Protein backbone atom coordinates (compact mmCIF):
# COMPACT_ATOMS: atom_id res chain seq x y z
CA UNK A 1 4.60 23.39 14.51
CA UNK A 2 6.48 20.53 12.88
CA UNK A 3 5.31 17.39 11.13
CA UNK A 4 7.38 14.42 12.27
CA UNK A 5 6.02 11.75 9.93
CA UNK A 6 3.96 10.99 6.85
CA UNK A 7 2.16 7.70 7.37
CA UNK A 8 0.34 7.30 4.06
CA UNK A 9 2.46 7.10 0.91
CA UNK A 10 2.22 4.86 -2.15
CA UNK A 11 4.86 3.42 -4.47
CA UNK A 12 5.17 1.52 -7.75
CA UNK A 13 4.22 -1.61 -5.83
CA UNK A 14 0.62 -0.41 -6.26
CA UNK A 15 -0.27 2.65 -8.34
CA UNK A 16 2.32 5.13 -7.13
CA UNK A 17 4.93 6.57 -9.47
CA UNK A 18 8.01 6.29 -7.27
CA UNK A 19 10.07 3.63 -5.56
CA UNK A 20 10.38 3.14 -1.83
CA UNK A 21 13.85 4.69 -1.80
CA UNK A 22 12.63 7.72 -3.77
CA UNK A 23 9.86 8.34 -1.20
CA UNK A 24 12.40 7.99 1.59
CA UNK A 25 14.83 10.45 0.01
CA UNK A 26 12.10 13.12 -0.24
CA UNK A 27 11.06 12.47 3.36
CA UNK A 28 14.66 13.08 4.46
CA UNK A 29 14.85 16.29 2.41
CA UNK A 30 11.69 17.56 4.13
CA UNK A 31 12.99 16.76 7.59
CA UNK A 32 10.62 13.94 8.44
CA UNK A 33 11.59 11.46 11.13
CA UNK A 34 9.31 8.67 9.92
CA UNK A 35 7.68 7.59 6.68
CA UNK A 36 5.25 4.74 6.11
CA UNK A 37 4.95 2.93 2.79
CA UNK A 38 1.29 1.88 2.64
CA UNK A 39 0.31 0.45 -0.70
CA UNK A 40 -3.15 -1.02 -1.25
CA UNK A 41 -4.21 -4.33 0.27
CA UNK A 42 -4.48 -7.46 -1.91
CA UNK A 43 -8.28 -7.20 -2.19
CA UNK A 44 -7.96 -4.26 -4.57
CA UNK A 45 -8.15 -5.98 -7.96
CA UNK A 46 -6.51 -3.07 -9.80
CA UNK A 47 -3.74 -1.94 -7.44
CA UNK A 48 -3.56 -4.44 -4.61
CA UNK A 49 -0.18 -5.77 -3.46
CA UNK A 50 -0.16 -9.54 -3.13
CA UNK A 51 1.27 -11.19 -0.05
CA UNK A 52 4.39 -12.43 -1.86
CA UNK A 53 5.37 -8.89 -2.84
CA UNK A 54 4.79 -7.63 0.69
CA UNK A 55 7.55 -9.96 1.88
CA UNK A 56 9.81 -8.43 -0.77
CA UNK A 57 8.87 -4.95 0.47
CA UNK A 58 9.59 -6.02 4.06
CA UNK A 59 13.11 -7.12 3.07
CA UNK A 60 13.72 -3.89 1.15
CA UNK A 61 12.56 -1.69 4.02
CA UNK A 62 14.62 -3.62 6.57
CA UNK A 63 17.70 -3.13 4.38
CA UNK A 64 16.99 0.59 3.90
CA UNK A 65 16.51 1.10 7.65
CA UNK A 66 20.00 -0.29 8.18
CA UNK A 67 21.49 1.82 5.38
CA UNK A 68 19.76 5.05 6.51
CA UNK A 69 20.29 4.54 10.23
CA UNK A 70 22.53 7.63 10.49
CA UNK A 71 20.12 9.88 8.55
CA UNK A 72 17.50 10.14 11.28
CA UNK A 73 14.67 8.49 9.37
CA UNK A 74 12.62 5.42 10.28
CA UNK A 75 10.86 3.60 7.45
CA UNK A 76 7.69 1.66 8.22
CA UNK A 77 6.05 -1.03 6.16
CA UNK A 78 2.31 -0.60 6.21
CA UNK A 79 -0.68 -1.39 4.10
CA UNK A 80 -3.82 0.53 3.20
CA UNK A 81 -6.30 -2.27 3.74
CA UNK A 82 -9.77 -2.38 2.21
CA UNK A 83 -13.14 -3.10 3.77
CA UNK A 84 -14.46 -6.01 1.69
CA UNK A 85 -17.47 -7.12 3.73
CA UNK A 86 -20.22 -5.49 5.74
CA UNK A 87 -19.43 -7.91 8.55
CA UNK A 88 -16.19 -5.95 9.04
CA UNK A 89 -13.93 -8.24 7.03
CA UNK A 90 -10.85 -6.61 5.49
CA UNK A 91 -8.40 -7.93 2.90
CA UNK A 92 -5.49 -8.58 5.27
CA UNK A 93 -4.69 -11.96 6.85
CA UNK A 94 -2.59 -12.82 9.89
CA UNK A 95 0.51 -13.48 7.78
CA UNK A 96 0.40 -9.89 6.56
CA UNK A 97 -0.40 -8.49 10.01
CA UNK A 98 2.70 -10.22 11.35
CA UNK A 99 5.11 -8.46 8.97
CA UNK A 100 3.75 -4.90 8.83
CA UNK A 101 4.46 -2.01 11.20
CA UNK A 102 1.29 0.00 10.67
CA UNK A 103 -2.23 -0.80 9.45
CA UNK A 104 -4.34 1.74 7.60
CA UNK A 105 -7.93 1.00 6.61
CA UNK A 106 -10.49 2.63 4.36
CA UNK A 107 -13.20 2.24 1.77
CA UNK A 108 -12.06 2.12 -1.85
CA UNK A 109 -13.46 1.59 -5.30
CA UNK A 110 -12.03 -1.33 -7.26
CA UNK A 111 -12.21 -3.81 -4.38
CA UNK A 112 -13.30 -7.41 -4.78
CA UNK A 113 -16.18 -7.78 -2.29
CA UNK A 114 -16.46 -10.74 0.06
CA UNK A 115 -19.86 -11.75 -1.36
CA UNK A 116 -22.42 -10.80 -4.01
CA UNK A 117 -24.53 -9.14 -1.34
CA UNK A 118 -21.57 -7.06 -0.17
CA UNK A 119 -20.88 -6.06 -3.77
CA UNK A 120 -24.51 -5.04 -4.23
CA UNK A 121 -24.27 -2.58 -1.37
CA UNK A 122 -20.78 -1.35 -2.30
CA UNK A 123 -21.34 -0.81 -6.01
CA UNK A 124 -25.10 -0.30 -6.39
CA UNK A 125 -26.73 0.95 -3.19
CA UNK A 126 -23.87 3.30 -2.33
CA UNK A 127 -24.05 5.20 -5.65
CA UNK A 128 -27.88 5.12 -5.65
CA UNK A 129 -27.95 6.69 -2.19
CA UNK A 130 -26.43 9.84 -3.67
CA UNK A 131 -29.36 10.10 -6.09
CA UNK A 132 -32.25 8.72 -4.03
CA UNK A 133 -32.37 9.97 -0.41
CA UNK A 134 -34.47 6.94 0.52
CA UNK A 135 -31.32 4.78 0.55
CA UNK A 136 -28.99 7.31 2.14
CA UNK A 137 -29.59 6.75 5.85
CA UNK A 138 -29.56 2.98 5.45
CA UNK A 139 -26.28 2.85 3.57
CA UNK A 140 -24.59 5.34 5.91
CA UNK A 141 -25.57 3.10 8.83
CA UNK A 142 -24.26 -0.02 7.03
CA UNK A 143 -20.99 1.65 5.99
CA UNK A 144 -20.45 2.91 9.51
CA UNK A 145 -21.31 -0.39 11.15
CA UNK A 146 -18.91 -2.29 8.89
CA UNK A 147 -16.01 0.04 9.65
CA UNK A 148 -16.67 -0.10 13.40
CA UNK A 149 -16.75 -3.91 13.26
CA UNK A 150 -13.43 -3.84 11.40
CA UNK A 151 -11.61 -1.63 13.89
CA UNK A 152 -12.93 -3.78 16.73
CA UNK A 153 -11.62 -6.90 14.99
CA UNK A 154 -8.26 -5.82 13.57
CA UNK A 155 -5.30 -3.77 14.96
CA UNK A 156 -6.06 -0.69 12.84
CA UNK A 157 -3.91 2.39 13.45
CA UNK A 158 -5.49 4.94 11.09
CA UNK A 159 -8.80 5.19 9.20
CA UNK A 160 -7.95 6.74 5.84
CA UNK A 161 -9.97 9.61 4.32
CA UNK A 162 -13.12 8.71 6.31
CA UNK A 163 -16.22 9.65 4.33
CA UNK A 164 -14.43 10.09 1.02
CA UNK A 165 -15.33 6.85 -0.79
CA UNK A 166 -18.34 5.85 1.28
CA UNK A 167 -20.53 8.13 3.39
CA UNK A 168 -20.20 7.59 7.14
CA UNK A 169 -21.65 8.73 10.45
CA UNK A 170 -18.53 10.61 11.49
CA UNK A 171 -19.60 11.02 15.12
CA UNK A 172 -20.20 7.28 15.49
CA UNK A 173 -16.88 6.49 13.80
CA UNK A 174 -15.08 9.01 15.99
CA UNK A 175 -16.50 7.51 19.19
CA UNK A 176 -15.59 3.96 18.16
CA UNK A 177 -12.10 5.00 17.02
CA UNK A 178 -11.49 6.86 20.28
CA UNK A 179 -12.34 3.74 22.29
CA UNK A 180 -9.88 1.64 20.25
CA UNK A 181 -7.11 4.24 20.05
CA UNK A 182 -7.49 4.56 16.27
CA UNK A 183 -6.73 7.88 14.57
CA UNK A 184 -8.84 9.51 11.88
CA UNK A 185 -6.90 10.77 8.90
CA UNK A 186 -7.01 14.32 7.58
CA UNK A 187 -5.92 13.62 4.02
CA UNK A 188 -4.19 16.20 1.85
CA UNK A 189 -5.22 14.47 -1.38
CA UNK A 190 -8.90 13.86 -0.60
CA UNK A 191 -11.56 16.26 0.66
CA UNK A 192 -12.26 14.16 3.76
CA UNK A 193 -12.07 14.73 6.50
CA UNK A 194 -13.65 18.09 5.63
CA UNK A 195 -13.57 21.00 8.05
CA UNK A 196 -17.18 20.28 8.99
CA UNK A 197 -16.46 16.61 9.68
CA UNK A 198 -13.29 17.40 11.61
CA UNK A 199 -15.38 19.59 13.92
CA UNK A 200 -17.88 16.74 14.40
CA UNK A 201 -15.06 14.28 15.15
CA UNK A 202 -13.49 16.70 17.63
CA UNK A 203 -16.53 16.26 19.88
CA UNK A 204 -15.70 12.56 20.34
CA UNK A 205 -12.19 12.86 21.76
CA UNK A 206 -10.62 10.98 18.86
CA UNK A 207 -7.10 11.81 17.67
CA UNK A 208 -6.08 12.66 14.13
CA UNK A 209 -3.19 11.99 11.77
CA UNK A 210 -2.29 14.34 8.91
CA UNK A 211 -1.07 12.49 5.82
CA UNK A 212 -0.17 13.24 2.22
CA UNK A 213 -1.54 10.08 0.52
CA UNK A 214 1.33 10.77 -1.89
CA UNK A 215 1.24 8.81 -5.14
CA UNK A 216 4.52 10.28 -6.39
CA UNK A 217 7.68 11.13 -4.44
CA UNK A 218 7.38 14.88 -4.88
CA UNK A 219 4.23 14.92 -2.75
CA UNK A 220 5.68 12.98 0.19
CA UNK A 221 5.31 15.29 3.18
CA UNK A 222 3.07 17.65 1.21
CA UNK A 223 0.54 18.22 3.97
CA UNK A 224 -0.45 21.84 3.33
CA UNK A 225 -4.09 21.19 2.41
CA UNK A 226 -4.65 18.92 5.41
CA UNK A 227 -2.95 21.38 7.75
CA UNK A 228 -5.11 24.18 6.40
CA UNK A 229 -8.29 22.23 7.23
CA UNK A 230 -6.99 21.24 10.67
CA UNK A 231 -6.22 24.88 11.49
CA UNK A 232 -9.61 26.06 10.22
CA UNK A 233 -11.34 23.45 12.37
CA UNK A 234 -9.17 24.52 15.35
CA UNK A 235 -7.77 21.06 16.08
CA UNK A 236 -5.50 21.20 19.16
CA UNK A 237 -1.91 20.22 18.42
CA UNK A 238 -2.04 17.48 21.06
CA UNK A 239 -4.85 15.80 19.12
CA UNK A 240 -2.70 15.39 15.98
CA UNK A 241 -0.35 12.43 16.38
CA UNK A 242 2.31 13.44 13.89
CA UNK A 243 2.46 17.15 14.74
CA UNK A 244 4.66 18.66 17.46
CA UNK A 245 4.87 22.21 18.73
């Protein structure tokens, strides 16, 4: 088995510790054919990359693709967008969609919500649901519904660490993602998808992508933990987009 790409890496443009070129150099060393630079969307008030800087990243990546053409690596500009509203709104506009190569989407802490009501559910009801079971089913349904609305509205490629920052109905997410051709991420840095949730998602026909979520260059292509979970859950190779036999 061989991993051909790592589609979730961060750089100093958000809260990573390495530059784009440093991530690329490690990807080449590890034999990857593709690497995606996916820093956080502008709605993240701590680490979000503003639109102006994304244009700068686009120029840098275009230049590096020309310079590294003979090294067998393709560099993608992506973004890890944030759900900011329970109506499915995310923090990426059409200008951004027009310049990126890949769109990742997930729930994150530190996001500016679309409205006070959205913030109430994100930052009060979500944490309370872990303490008081009364809220749990309701918030899982709302989290799931929002993510499904988002993938039906935007050209999402991968849902990042589903269930890690906000609890979800994994079967419902898997079914919706399968219909839209969206992959679920098995993340080496986060515990989700867990083995149990991978098995649930497998029942839906959805495909998966194994990513590092590297925040420093040394971890680019470090997919061991995710691979371990995928093997334990018995995910067929043809269901993992960036894995070849």
